[in-house]
Amino acid sequence: GKLLPLKYGKSLPAQSRNPHGTHPVYGSSGMVGTHSAALTNGPTL
């Protein structure tokens, strides 16, 4: 909690995603699509 605090992901329904976007969309099982915007600023776990 002090060294590597977690942040919550944000809902992005499949119908709202841009399938031609350059930013990957991730769920708990891995990459689930793409979008034109990103929630994070760089490399992400």
PDB file of all heavy atoms in Angstrom:
ATOM      1  N   GLY A   1       0.812  -1.212   0.000  1.00  0.00           N
ATOM      2  CA  GLY A   1       0.000   0.000   0.000  1.00  0.00           C
ATOM      3  C   GLY A   1       0.842   1.258   0.000  1.00  0.00           C
ATOM      4  O   GLY A   1       0.439   2.288  -0.555  1.00  0.00           O
ATOM      5  N   LYS A   2       2.027   1.209   0.624  1.00  0.00           N
ATOM      6  CA  LYS A   2       2.911   2.376   0.647  1.00  0.00           C
ATOM      7  C   LYS A   2       3.857   2.396  -0.553  1.00  0.00           C
ATOM      8  O   LYS A   2       4.158   3.452  -1.103  1.00  0.00           O
ATOM      9  CB  LYS A   2       3.715   2.380   1.942  1.00  0.00           C
ATOM     10  CG  LYS A   2       2.872   2.640   3.186  1.00  0.00           C
ATOM     11  CD  LYS A   2       3.737   2.660   4.430  1.00  0.00           C
ATOM     12  CE  LYS A   2       2.898   2.958   5.670  1.00  0.00           C
ATOM     13  NZ  LYS A   2       3.721   2.967   6.900  1.00  0.00           N
ATOM     14  N   LEU A   3       4.335   1.207  -0.938  1.00  0.00           N
ATOM     15  CA  LEU A   3       5.331   1.147  -2.007  1.00  0.00           C
ATOM     16  C   LEU A   3       4.716   1.227  -3.405  1.00  0.00           C
ATOM     17  O   LEU A   3       5.284   1.851  -4.297  1.00  0.00           O
ATOM     18  CB  LEU A   3       6.114  -0.162  -1.895  1.00  0.00           C
ATOM     19  CG  LEU A   3       7.030  -0.294  -0.676  1.00  0.00           C
ATOM     20  CD1 LEU A   3       7.527  -1.716  -0.550  1.00  0.00           C
ATOM     21  CD2 LEU A   3       8.202   0.677  -0.799  1.00  0.00           C
ATOM     22  N   LEU A   4       3.573   0.577  -3.579  1.00  0.00           N
ATOM     23  CA  LEU A   4       3.002   0.458  -4.929  1.00  0.00           C
ATOM     24  C   LEU A   4       1.476   0.505  -4.845  1.00  0.00           C
ATOM     25  O   LEU A   4       0.795  -0.491  -5.065  1.00  0.00           O
ATOM     26  CB  LEU A   4       3.458  -0.873  -5.553  1.00  0.00           C
ATOM     27  CG  LEU A   4       3.436  -0.985  -7.074  1.00  0.00           C
ATOM     28  CD1 LEU A   4       4.456  -0.048  -7.698  1.00  0.00           C
ATOM     29  CD2 LEU A   4       3.713  -2.414  -7.499  1.00  0.00           C
ATOM     30  N   PRO A   5       0.907   1.665  -4.493  1.00  0.00           N
ATOM     31  CA  PRO A   5      -0.546   1.765  -4.295  1.00  0.00           C
ATOM     32  C   PRO A   5      -1.325   1.551  -5.596  1.00  0.00           C
ATOM     33  O   PRO A   5      -0.904   1.992  -6.671  1.00  0.00           O
ATOM     34  CB  PRO A   5      -0.730   3.180  -3.763  1.00  0.00           C
ATOM     35  CG  PRO A   5       0.462   3.934  -4.237  1.00  0.00           C
ATOM     36  CD  PRO A   5       1.601   2.957  -4.265  1.00  0.00           C
ATOM     37  N   LEU A   6      -2.446   0.858  -5.483  1.00  0.00           N
ATOM     38  CA  LEU A   6      -3.308   0.569  -6.634  1.00  0.00           C
ATOM     39  C   LEU A   6      -4.310   1.697  -6.859  1.00  0.00           C
ATOM     40  O   LEU A   6      -4.797   2.307  -5.911  1.00  0.00           O
ATOM     41  CB  LEU A   6      -4.085  -0.728  -6.396  1.00  0.00           C
ATOM     42  CG  LEU A   6      -3.276  -2.022  -6.255  1.00  0.00           C
ATOM     43  CD1 LEU A   6      -4.216  -3.175  -5.899  1.00  0.00           C
ATOM     44  CD2 LEU A   6      -2.520  -2.336  -7.542  1.00  0.00           C
ATOM     45  N   LYS A   7      -4.638   1.913  -8.139  1.00  0.00           N
ATOM     46  CA  LYS A   7      -5.701   2.831  -8.507  1.00  0.00           C
ATOM     47  C   LYS A   7      -6.806   2.039  -9.197  1.00  0.00           C
ATOM     48  O   LYS A   7      -6.548   1.006  -9.818  1.00  0.00           O
ATOM     49  CB  LYS A   7      -5.176   3.917  -9.450  1.00  0.00           C
ATOM     50  CG  LYS A   7      -4.047   4.758  -8.858  1.00  0.00           C
ATOM     51  CD  LYS A   7      -3.526   5.752  -9.884  1.00  0.00           C
ATOM     52  CE  LYS A   7      -2.342   6.551  -9.333  1.00  0.00           C
ATOM     53  NZ  LYS A   7      -1.793   7.501 -10.340  1.00  0.00           N
ATOM     54  N   TYR A   8      -8.030   2.537  -9.104  1.00  0.00           N
ATOM     55  CA  TYR A   8      -9.158   1.866  -9.736  1.00  0.00           C
ATOM     56  C   TYR A   8      -9.214   2.187 -11.228  1.00  0.00           C
ATOM     57  O   TYR A   8      -9.002   3.341 -11.641  1.00  0.00           O
ATOM     58  CB  TYR A   8     -10.476   2.294  -9.098  1.00  0.00           C
ATOM     59  CG  TYR A   8     -10.742   1.677  -7.750  1.00  0.00           C
ATOM     60  CD1 TYR A   8     -10.498   2.386  -6.573  1.00  0.00           C
ATOM     61  CD2 TYR A   8     -11.250   0.385  -7.651  1.00  0.00           C
ATOM     62  CE1 TYR A   8     -10.748   1.816  -5.328  1.00  0.00           C
ATOM     63  CE2 TYR A   8     -11.504  -0.191  -6.413  1.00  0.00           C
ATOM     64  CZ  TYR A   8     -11.247   0.523  -5.254  1.00  0.00           C
ATOM     65  OH  TYR A   8     -11.494  -0.043  -4.035  1.00  0.00           O
ATOM     66  N   GLY A   9      -9.523   1.162 -12.028  1.00  0.00           N
ATOM     67  CA  GLY A   9      -9.809   1.400 -13.431  1.00  0.00           C
ATOM     68  C   GLY A   9     -11.148   2.105 -13.582  1.00  0.00           C
ATOM     69  O   GLY A   9     -11.897   2.274 -12.618  1.00  0.00           O
ATOM     70  N   LYS A  10     -11.452   2.497 -14.801  1.00  0.00           N
ATOM     71  CA  LYS A  10     -12.668   3.258 -15.072  1.00  0.00           C
ATOM     72  C   LYS A  10     -13.484   2.572 -16.153  1.00  0.00           C
ATOM     73  O   LYS A  10     -12.945   2.118 -17.165  1.00  0.00           O
ATOM     74  CB  LYS A  10     -12.317   4.680 -15.506  1.00  0.00           C
ATOM     75  CG  LYS A  10     -13.514   5.607 -15.667  1.00  0.00           C
ATOM     76  CD  LYS A  10     -13.054   7.015 -16.012  1.00  0.00           C
ATOM     77  CE  LYS A  10     -14.238   7.963 -16.199  1.00  0.00           C
ATOM     78  NZ  LYS A  10     -13.789   9.342 -16.543  1.00  0.00           N
ATOM     79  N   SER A  11     -14.794   2.519 -15.949  1.00  0.00           N
ATOM     80  CA  SER A  11     -15.678   1.844 -16.901  1.00  0.00           C
ATOM     81  C   SER A  11     -15.536   2.421 -18.303  1.00  0.00           C
ATOM     82  O   SER A  11     -15.444   3.639 -18.488  1.00  0.00           O
ATOM     83  CB  SER A  11     -17.132   1.979 -16.432  1.00  0.00           C
ATOM     84  OG  SER A  11     -18.009   1.415 -17.384  1.00  0.00           O
ATOM     85  N   LEU A  12     -15.518   1.520 -19.280  1.00  0.00           N
ATOM     86  CA  LEU A  12     -15.500   1.913 -20.693  1.00  0.00           C
ATOM     87  C   LEU A  12     -16.207   0.811 -21.480  1.00  0.00           C
ATOM     88  O   LEU A  12     -15.584  -0.141 -21.943  1.00  0.00           O
ATOM     89  CB  LEU A  12     -14.065   2.096 -21.198  1.00  0.00           C
ATOM     90  CG  LEU A  12     -13.921   2.606 -22.641  1.00  0.00           C
ATOM     91  CD1 LEU A  12     -14.478   4.018 -22.791  1.00  0.00           C
ATOM     92  CD2 LEU A  12     -12.469   2.563 -23.083  1.00  0.00           C
ATOM     93  N   PRO A  13     -17.550   0.896 -21.597  1.00  0.00           N
ATOM     94  CA  PRO A  13     -18.307  -0.150 -22.289  1.00  0.00           C
ATOM     95  C   PRO A  13     -17.792  -0.392 -23.703  1.00  0.00           C
ATOM     96  O   PRO A  13     -17.261   0.523 -24.350  1.00  0.00           O
ATOM     97  CB  PRO A  13     -19.744   0.404 -22.303  1.00  0.00           C
ATOM     98  CG  PRO A  13     -19.783   1.387 -21.173  1.00  0.00           C
ATOM     99  CD  PRO A  13     -18.412   1.985 -21.111  1.00  0.00           C
ATOM    100  N   ALA A  14     -17.951  -1.613 -24.172  1.00  0.00           N
ATOM    101  CA  ALA A  14     -17.443  -1.993 -25.489  1.00  0.00           C
ATOM    102  C   ALA A  14     -17.963  -1.078 -26.591  1.00  0.00           C
ATOM    103  O   ALA A  14     -17.226  -0.708 -27.519  1.00  0.00           O
ATOM    104  CB  ALA A  14     -17.790  -3.451 -25.781  1.00  0.00           C
ATOM    105  N   GLN A  15     -19.245  -0.686 -26.486  1.00  0.00           N
ATOM    106  CA  GLN A  15     -19.831   0.147 -27.542  1.00  0.00           C
ATOM    107  C   GLN A  15     -19.265   1.567 -27.541  1.00  0.00           C
ATOM    108  O   GLN A  15     -19.440   2.311 -28.518  1.00  0.00           O
ATOM    109  CB  GLN A  15     -21.365   0.187 -27.419  1.00  0.00           C
ATOM    110  CG  GLN A  15     -21.884   0.782 -26.123  1.00  0.00           C
ATOM    111  CD  GLN A  15     -22.079  -0.265 -25.050  1.00  0.00           C
ATOM    112  OE1 GLN A  15     -21.451  -1.322 -25.086  1.00  0.00           O
ATOM    113  NE2 GLN A  15     -22.980   0.006 -24.100  1.00  0.00           N
ATOM    114  N   SER A  16     -18.602   1.949 -26.445  1.00  0.00           N
ATOM    115  CA  SER A  16     -18.032   3.300 -26.366  1.00  0.00           C
ATOM    116  C   SER A  16     -16.572   3.346 -26.808  1.00  0.00           C
ATOM    117  O   SER A  16     -15.992   4.428 -26.929  1.00  0.00           O
ATOM    118  CB  SER A  16     -18.127   3.827 -24.927  1.00  0.00           C
ATOM    119  OG  SER A  16     -19.476   3.874 -24.504  1.00  0.00           O
ATOM    120  N   ARG A  17     -15.967   2.189 -27.044  1.00  0.00           N
ATOM    121  CA  ARG A  17     -14.555   2.149 -27.422  1.00  0.00           C
ATOM    122  C   ARG A  17     -14.374   2.414 -28.911  1.00  0.00           C
ATOM    123  O   ARG A  17     -15.270   2.162 -29.719  1.00  0.00           O
ATOM    124  CB  ARG A  17     -13.947   0.786 -27.067  1.00  0.00           C
ATOM    125  CG  ARG A  17     -14.050   0.460 -25.591  1.00  0.00           C
ATOM    126  CD  ARG A  17     -13.687  -1.001 -25.317  1.00  0.00           C
ATOM    127  NE  ARG A  17     -14.151  -1.396 -23.989  1.00  0.00           N
ATOM    128  CZ  ARG A  17     -14.240  -2.641 -23.569  1.00  0.00           C
ATOM    129  NH1 ARG A  17     -13.900  -3.637 -24.372  1.00  0.00           N
ATOM    130  NH2 ARG A  17     -14.675  -2.904 -22.346  1.00  0.00           N
ATOM    131  N   ASN A  18     -13.204   2.900 -29.245  1.00  0.00           N
ATOM    132  CA  ASN A  18     -12.843   3.110 -30.648  1.00  0.00           C
ATOM    133  C   ASN A  18     -12.002   1.920 -31.106  1.00  0.00           C
ATOM    134  O   ASN A  18     -10.844   1.794 -30.705  1.00  0.00           O
ATOM    135  CB  ASN A  18     -12.048   4.411 -30.796  1.00  0.00           C
ATOM    136  CG  ASN A  18     -11.638   4.678 -32.240  1.00  0.00           C
ATOM    137  OD1 ASN A  18     -11.890   3.861 -33.125  1.00  0.00           O
ATOM    138  ND2 ASN A  18     -11.014   5.822 -32.464  1.00  0.00           N
ATOM    139  N   PRO A  19     -12.567   1.040 -31.943  1.00  0.00           N
ATOM    140  CA  PRO A  19     -11.824  -0.161 -32.345  1.00  0.00           C
ATOM    141  C   PRO A  19     -10.582   0.160 -33.181  1.00  0.00           C
ATOM    142  O   PRO A  19      -9.726  -0.704 -33.368  1.00  0.00           O
ATOM    143  CB  PRO A  19     -12.850  -0.955 -33.160  1.00  0.00           C
ATOM    144  CG  PRO A  19     -13.843   0.062 -33.633  1.00  0.00           C
ATOM    145  CD  PRO A  19     -13.905   1.100 -32.559  1.00  0.00           C
ATOM    146  N   HIS A  20     -10.489   1.413 -33.683  1.00  0.00           N
ATOM    147  CA  HIS A  20      -9.319   1.809 -34.468  1.00  0.00           C
ATOM    148  C   HIS A  20      -8.357   2.662 -33.646  1.00  0.00           C
ATOM    149  O   HIS A  20      -7.395   3.212 -34.187  1.00  0.00           O
ATOM    150  CB  HIS A  20      -9.769   2.585 -35.709  1.00  0.00           C
ATOM    151  CG  HIS A  20     -10.782   1.850 -36.548  1.00  0.00           C
ATOM    152  ND1 HIS A  20     -10.478   0.686 -37.233  1.00  0.00           N
ATOM    153  CD2 HIS A  20     -12.106   2.096 -36.780  1.00  0.00           C
ATOM    154  CE1 HIS A  20     -11.561   0.259 -37.857  1.00  0.00           C
ATOM    155  NE2 HIS A  20     -12.558   1.091 -37.604  1.00  0.00           N
ATOM    156  N   GLY A  21      -8.625   2.781 -32.345  1.00  0.00           N
ATOM    157  CA  GLY A  21      -7.771   3.591 -31.483  1.00  0.00           C
ATOM    158  C   GLY A  21      -6.401   2.970 -31.287  1.00  0.00           C
ATOM    159  O   GLY A  21      -6.185   1.778 -31.536  1.00  0.00           O
ATOM    160  N   THR A  22      -5.469   3.771 -30.799  1.00  0.00           N
ATOM    161  CA  THR A  22      -4.089   3.304 -30.620  1.00  0.00           C
ATOM    162  C   THR A  22      -3.772   2.938 -29.170  1.00  0.00           C
ATOM    163  O   THR A  22      -2.683   2.445 -28.886  1.00  0.00           O
ATOM    164  CB  THR A  22      -3.107   4.390 -31.079  1.00  0.00           C
ATOM    165  OG1 THR A  22      -3.362   5.592 -30.342  1.00  0.00           O
ATOM    166  CG2 THR A  22      -3.264   4.664 -32.573  1.00  0.00           C
ATOM    167  N   HIS A  23      -4.715   3.180 -28.268  1.00  0.00           N
ATOM    168  CA  HIS A  23      -4.469   2.888 -26.859  1.00  0.00           C
ATOM    169  C   HIS A  23      -5.181   1.589 -26.469  1.00  0.00           C
ATOM    170  O   HIS A  23      -6.409   1.475 -26.638  1.00  0.00           O
ATOM    171  CB  HIS A  23      -4.969   4.032 -25.973  1.00  0.00           C
ATOM    172  CG  HIS A  23      -4.281   5.330 -26.228  1.00  0.00           C
ATOM    173  ND1 HIS A  23      -2.995   5.582 -25.818  1.00  0.00           N
ATOM    174  CD2 HIS A  23      -4.700   6.441 -26.890  1.00  0.00           C
ATOM    175  CE1 HIS A  23      -2.644   6.809 -26.190  1.00  0.00           C
ATOM    176  NE2 HIS A  23      -3.662   7.343 -26.848  1.00  0.00           N
ATOM    177  N   PRO A  24      -4.431   0.613 -25.944  1.00  0.00           N
ATOM    178  CA  PRO A  24      -5.081  -0.652 -25.550  1.00  0.00           C
ATOM    179  C   PRO A  24      -6.009  -0.469 -24.358  1.00  0.00           C
ATOM    180  O   PRO A  24      -5.770   0.365 -23.484  1.00  0.00           O
ATOM    181  CB  PRO A  24      -3.896  -1.557 -25.203  1.00  0.00           C
ATOM    182  CG  PRO A  24      -2.765  -0.644 -24.904  1.00  0.00           C
ATOM    183  CD  PRO A  24      -2.975   0.599 -25.721  1.00  0.00           C
ATOM    184  N   VAL A  25      -7.081  -1.264 -24.356  1.00  0.00           N
ATOM    185  CA  VAL A  25      -8.017  -1.308 -23.231  1.00  0.00           C
ATOM    186  C   VAL A  25      -7.807  -2.639 -22.522  1.00  0.00           C
ATOM    187  O   VAL A  25      -7.786  -3.693 -23.162  1.00  0.00           O
ATOM    188  CB  VAL A  25      -9.475  -1.181 -23.714  1.00  0.00           C
ATOM    189  CG1 VAL A  25     -10.440  -1.298 -22.536  1.00  0.00           C
ATOM    190  CG2 VAL A  25      -9.686   0.137 -24.445  1.00  0.00           C
ATOM    191  N   TYR A  26      -7.628  -2.572 -21.195  1.00  0.00           N
ATOM    192  CA  TYR A  26      -7.337  -3.781 -20.424  1.00  0.00           C
ATOM    193  C   TYR A  26      -8.427  -4.050 -19.394  1.00  0.00           C
ATOM    194  O   TYR A  26      -8.927  -3.135 -18.745  1.00  0.00           O
ATOM    195  CB  TYR A  26      -6.010  -3.647 -19.669  1.00  0.00           C
ATOM    196  CG  TYR A  26      -4.784  -3.919 -20.511  1.00  0.00           C
ATOM    197  CD1 TYR A  26      -4.174  -2.897 -21.228  1.00  0.00           C
ATOM    198  CD2 TYR A  26      -4.240  -5.204 -20.584  1.00  0.00           C
ATOM    199  CE1 TYR A  26      -3.041  -3.134 -21.995  1.00  0.00           C
ATOM    200  CE2 TYR A  26      -3.111  -5.452 -21.349  1.00  0.00           C
ATOM    201  CZ  TYR A  26      -2.520  -4.429 -22.048  1.00  0.00           C
ATOM    202  OH  TYR A  26      -1.401  -4.675 -22.817  1.00  0.00           O
ATOM    203  N   GLY A  27      -8.744  -5.353 -19.254  1.00  0.00           N
ATOM    204  CA  GLY A  27      -9.554  -5.831 -18.143  1.00  0.00           C
ATOM    205  C   GLY A  27      -8.715  -6.777 -17.315  1.00  0.00           C
ATOM    206  O   GLY A  27      -7.506  -6.929 -17.541  1.00  0.00           O
ATOM    207  N   SER A  28      -9.343  -7.480 -16.400  1.00  0.00           N
ATOM    208  CA  SER A  28      -8.590  -8.373 -15.533  1.00  0.00           C
ATOM    209  C   SER A  28      -8.003  -9.568 -16.284  1.00  0.00           C
ATOM    210  O   SER A  28      -7.030 -10.171 -15.835  1.00  0.00           O
ATOM    211  CB  SER A  28      -9.477  -8.869 -14.395  1.00  0.00           C
ATOM    212  OG  SER A  28     -10.568  -9.603 -14.910  1.00  0.00           O
ATOM    213  N   SER A  29      -8.574  -9.896 -17.453  1.00  0.00           N
ATOM    214  CA  SER A  29      -8.079 -11.035 -18.227  1.00  0.00           C
ATOM    215  C   SER A  29      -7.054 -10.641 -19.273  1.00  0.00           C
ATOM    216  O   SER A  29      -6.535 -11.490 -19.988  1.00  0.00           O
ATOM    217  CB  SER A  29      -9.245 -11.749 -18.911  1.00  0.00           C
ATOM    218  OG  SER A  29      -9.919 -10.862 -19.794  1.00  0.00           O
ATOM    219  N   GLY A  30      -6.775  -9.355 -19.396  1.00  0.00           N
ATOM    220  CA  GLY A  30      -5.815  -8.897 -20.396  1.00  0.00           C
ATOM    221  C   GLY A  30      -6.424  -7.865 -21.323  1.00  0.00           C
ATOM    222  O   GLY A  30      -7.446  -7.236 -21.000  1.00  0.00           O
ATOM    223  N   MET A  31      -5.814  -7.685 -22.485  1.00  0.00           N
ATOM    224  CA  MET A  31      -6.292  -6.682 -23.434  1.00  0.00           C
ATOM    225  C   MET A  31      -7.642  -7.099 -24.012  1.00  0.00           C
ATOM    226  O   MET A  31      -7.818  -8.225 -24.471  1.00  0.00           O
ATOM    227  CB  MET A  31      -5.271  -6.510 -24.560  1.00  0.00           C
ATOM    228  CG  MET A  31      -5.598  -5.396 -25.533  1.00  0.00           C
ATOM    229  SD  MET A  31      -4.249  -5.134 -26.716  1.00  0.00           S
ATOM    230  CE  MET A  31      -5.072  -4.044 -27.897  1.00  0.00           C
ATOM    231  N   VAL A  32      -8.613  -6.170 -23.976  1.00  0.00           N
ATOM    232  CA  VAL A  32      -9.966  -6.476 -24.438  1.00  0.00           C
ATOM    233  C   VAL A  32     -10.424  -5.565 -25.571  1.00  0.00           C
ATOM    234  O   VAL A  32     -11.564  -5.639 -26.004  1.00  0.00           O
ATOM    235  CB  VAL A  32     -10.981  -6.392 -23.279  1.00  0.00           C
ATOM    236  CG1 VAL A  32     -10.702  -7.476 -22.251  1.00  0.00           C
ATOM    237  CG2 VAL A  32     -10.960  -5.017 -22.609  1.00  0.00           C
ATOM    238  N   GLY A  33      -9.541  -4.690 -26.069  1.00  0.00           N
ATOM    239  CA  GLY A  33      -9.914  -3.791 -27.152  1.00  0.00           C
ATOM    240  C   GLY A  33      -8.960  -2.613 -27.226  1.00  0.00           C
ATOM    241  O   GLY A  33      -7.874  -2.616 -26.637  1.00  0.00           O
ATOM    242  N   THR A  34      -9.388  -1.603 -27.964  1.00  0.00           N
ATOM    243  CA  THR A  34      -8.596  -0.374 -28.100  1.00  0.00           C
ATOM    244  C   THR A  34      -9.514   0.832 -27.959  1.00  0.00           C
ATOM    245  O   THR A  34     -10.743   0.717 -28.044  1.00  0.00           O
ATOM    246  CB  THR A  34      -7.886  -0.309 -29.464  1.00  0.00           C
ATOM    247  OG1 THR A  34      -8.877  -0.337 -30.512  1.00  0.00           O
ATOM    248  CG2 THR A  34      -6.910  -1.457 -29.645  1.00  0.00           C
ATOM    249  N   HIS A  35      -8.879   2.010 -27.760  1.00  0.00           N
ATOM    250  CA  HIS A  35      -9.647   3.244 -27.639  1.00  0.00           C
ATOM    251  C   HIS A  35      -8.776   4.410 -28.115  1.00  0.00           C
ATOM    252  O   HIS A  35      -7.556   4.297 -28.215  1.00  0.00           O
ATOM    253  CB  HIS A  35     -10.098   3.454 -26.190  1.00  0.00           C
ATOM    254  CG  HIS A  35     -11.138   4.514 -26.027  1.00  0.00           C
ATOM    255  ND1 HIS A  35     -12.255   4.589 -26.826  1.00  0.00           N
ATOM    256  CD2 HIS A  35     -11.232   5.559 -25.156  1.00  0.00           C
ATOM    257  CE1 HIS A  35     -12.998   5.617 -26.456  1.00  0.00           C
ATOM    258  NE2 HIS A  35     -12.387   6.220 -25.446  1.00  0.00           N
ATOM    259  N   SER A  36      -9.433   5.531 -28.387  1.00  0.00           N
ATOM    260  CA  SER A  36      -8.714   6.710 -28.883  1.00  0.00           C
ATOM    261  C   SER A  36      -8.109   7.538 -27.757  1.00  0.00           C
ATOM    262  O   SER A  36      -7.328   8.457 -28.010  1.00  0.00           O
ATOM    263  CB  SER A  36      -9.665   7.583 -29.712  1.00  0.00           C
ATOM    264  OG  SER A  36     -10.849   7.853 -28.979  1.00  0.00           O
ATOM    265  N   ALA A  37      -8.467   7.241 -26.505  1.00  0.00           N
ATOM    266  CA  ALA A  37      -7.927   7.970 -25.357  1.00  0.00           C
ATOM    267  C   ALA A  37      -7.376   6.964 -24.353  1.00  0.00           C
ATOM    268  O   ALA A  37      -7.709   5.785 -24.383  1.00  0.00           O
ATOM    269  CB  ALA A  37      -9.003   8.836 -24.710  1.00  0.00           C
ATOM    270  N   ALA A  38      -6.505   7.462 -23.469  1.00  0.00           N
ATOM    271  CA  ALA A  38      -5.910   6.617 -22.437  1.00  0.00           C
ATOM    272  C   ALA A  38      -6.239   7.165 -21.058  1.00  0.00           C
ATOM    273  O   ALA A  38      -6.421   8.373 -20.881  1.00  0.00           O
ATOM    274  CB  ALA A  38      -4.400   6.530 -22.628  1.00  0.00           C
ATOM    275  N   LEU A  39      -6.301   6.280 -20.088  1.00  0.00           N
ATOM    276  CA  LEU A  39      -6.526   6.670 -18.697  1.00  0.00           C
ATOM    277  C   LEU A  39      -5.202   6.865 -17.964  1.00  0.00           C
ATOM    278  O   LEU A  39      -5.126   7.591 -16.986  1.00  0.00           O
ATOM    279  CB  LEU A  39      -7.365   5.588 -18.002  1.00  0.00           C
ATOM    280  CG  LEU A  39      -7.898   5.876 -16.600  1.00  0.00           C
ATOM    281  CD1 LEU A  39      -8.832   7.083 -16.597  1.00  0.00           C
ATOM    282  CD2 LEU A  39      -8.623   4.647 -16.051  1.00  0.00           C
ATOM    283  N   THR A  40      -4.145   6.215 -18.466  1.00  0.00           N
ATOM    284  CA  THR A  40      -2.833   6.315 -17.831  1.00  0.00           C
ATOM    285  C   THR A  40      -1.898   7.161 -18.696  1.00  0.00           C
ATOM    286  O   THR A  40      -2.196   7.437 -19.863  1.00  0.00           O
ATOM    287  CB  THR A  40      -2.223   4.924 -17.601  1.00  0.00           C
ATOM    288  OG1 THR A  40      -1.906   4.338 -18.882  1.00  0.00           O
ATOM    289  CG2 THR A  40      -3.190   4.032 -16.866  1.00  0.00           C
ATOM    290  N   ASN A  41      -0.758   7.531 -18.119  1.00  0.00           N
ATOM    291  CA  ASN A  41       0.153   8.449 -18.809  1.00  0.00           C
ATOM    292  C   ASN A  41       1.374   7.788 -19.418  1.00  0.00           C
ATOM    293  O   ASN A  41       2.123   8.427 -20.169  1.00  0.00           O
ATOM    294  CB  ASN A  41       0.622   9.531 -17.822  1.00  0.00           C
ATOM    295  CG  ASN A  41      -0.540  10.358 -17.301  1.00  0.00           C
ATOM    296  OD1 ASN A  41      -1.367  10.847 -18.076  1.00  0.00           O
ATOM    297  ND2 ASN A  41      -0.632  10.501 -15.976  1.00  0.00           N
ATOM    298  N   GLY A  42       1.625   6.542 -19.084  1.00  0.00           N
ATOM    299  CA  GLY A  42       2.819   5.864 -19.587  1.00  0.00           C
ATOM    300  C   GLY A  42       2.706   4.374 -19.367  1.00  0.00           C
ATOM    301  O   GLY A  42       1.603   3.826 -19.233  1.00  0.00           O
ATOM    302  N   PRO A  43       3.836   3.675 -19.282  1.00  0.00           N
ATOM    303  CA  PRO A  43       3.800   2.237 -19.004  1.00  0.00           C
ATOM    304  C   PRO A  43       2.983   1.949 -17.748  1.00  0.00           C
ATOM    305  O   PRO A  43       3.053   2.686 -16.756  1.00  0.00           O
ATOM    306  CB  PRO A  43       5.275   1.876 -18.815  1.00  0.00           C
ATOM    307  CG  PRO A  43       6.005   2.898 -19.635  1.00  0.00           C
ATOM    308  CD  PRO A  43       5.215   4.170 -19.478  1.00  0.00           C
ATOM    309  N   THR A  44       2.218   0.867 -17.808  1.00  0.00           N
ATOM    310  CA  THR A  44       1.233   0.591 -16.754  1.00  0.00           C
ATOM    311  C   THR A  44       1.188  -0.896 -16.416  1.00  0.00           C
ATOM    312  O   THR A  44       1.307  -1.736 -17.315  1.00  0.00           O
ATOM    313  CB  THR A  44      -0.178   1.023 -17.215  1.00  0.00           C
ATOM    314  OG1 THR A  44      -0.132   2.361 -17.712  1.00  0.00           O
ATOM    315  CG2 THR A  44      -1.181   0.927 -16.084  1.00  0.00           C
ATOM    316  N   LEU A  45       1.000  -1.190 -15.146  1.00  0.00           N
ATOM    317  CA  LEU A  45       0.654  -2.543 -14.724  1.00  0.00           C
ATOM    318  C   LEU A  45      -0.845  -2.595 -14.468  1.00  0.00           C
ATOM    319  O   LEU A  45      -1.399  -1.704 -13.822  1.00  0.00           O
ATOM    320  CB  LEU A  45       1.383  -2.932 -13.437  1.00  0.00           C
ATOM    321  CG  LEU A  45       2.890  -3.116 -13.492  1.00  0.00           C
ATOM    322  CD1 LEU A  45       3.398  -3.632 -12.154  1.00  0.00           C
ATOM    323  CD2 LEU A  45       3.295  -4.054 -14.609  1.00  0.00           C
TER     324      LEU A  45
END
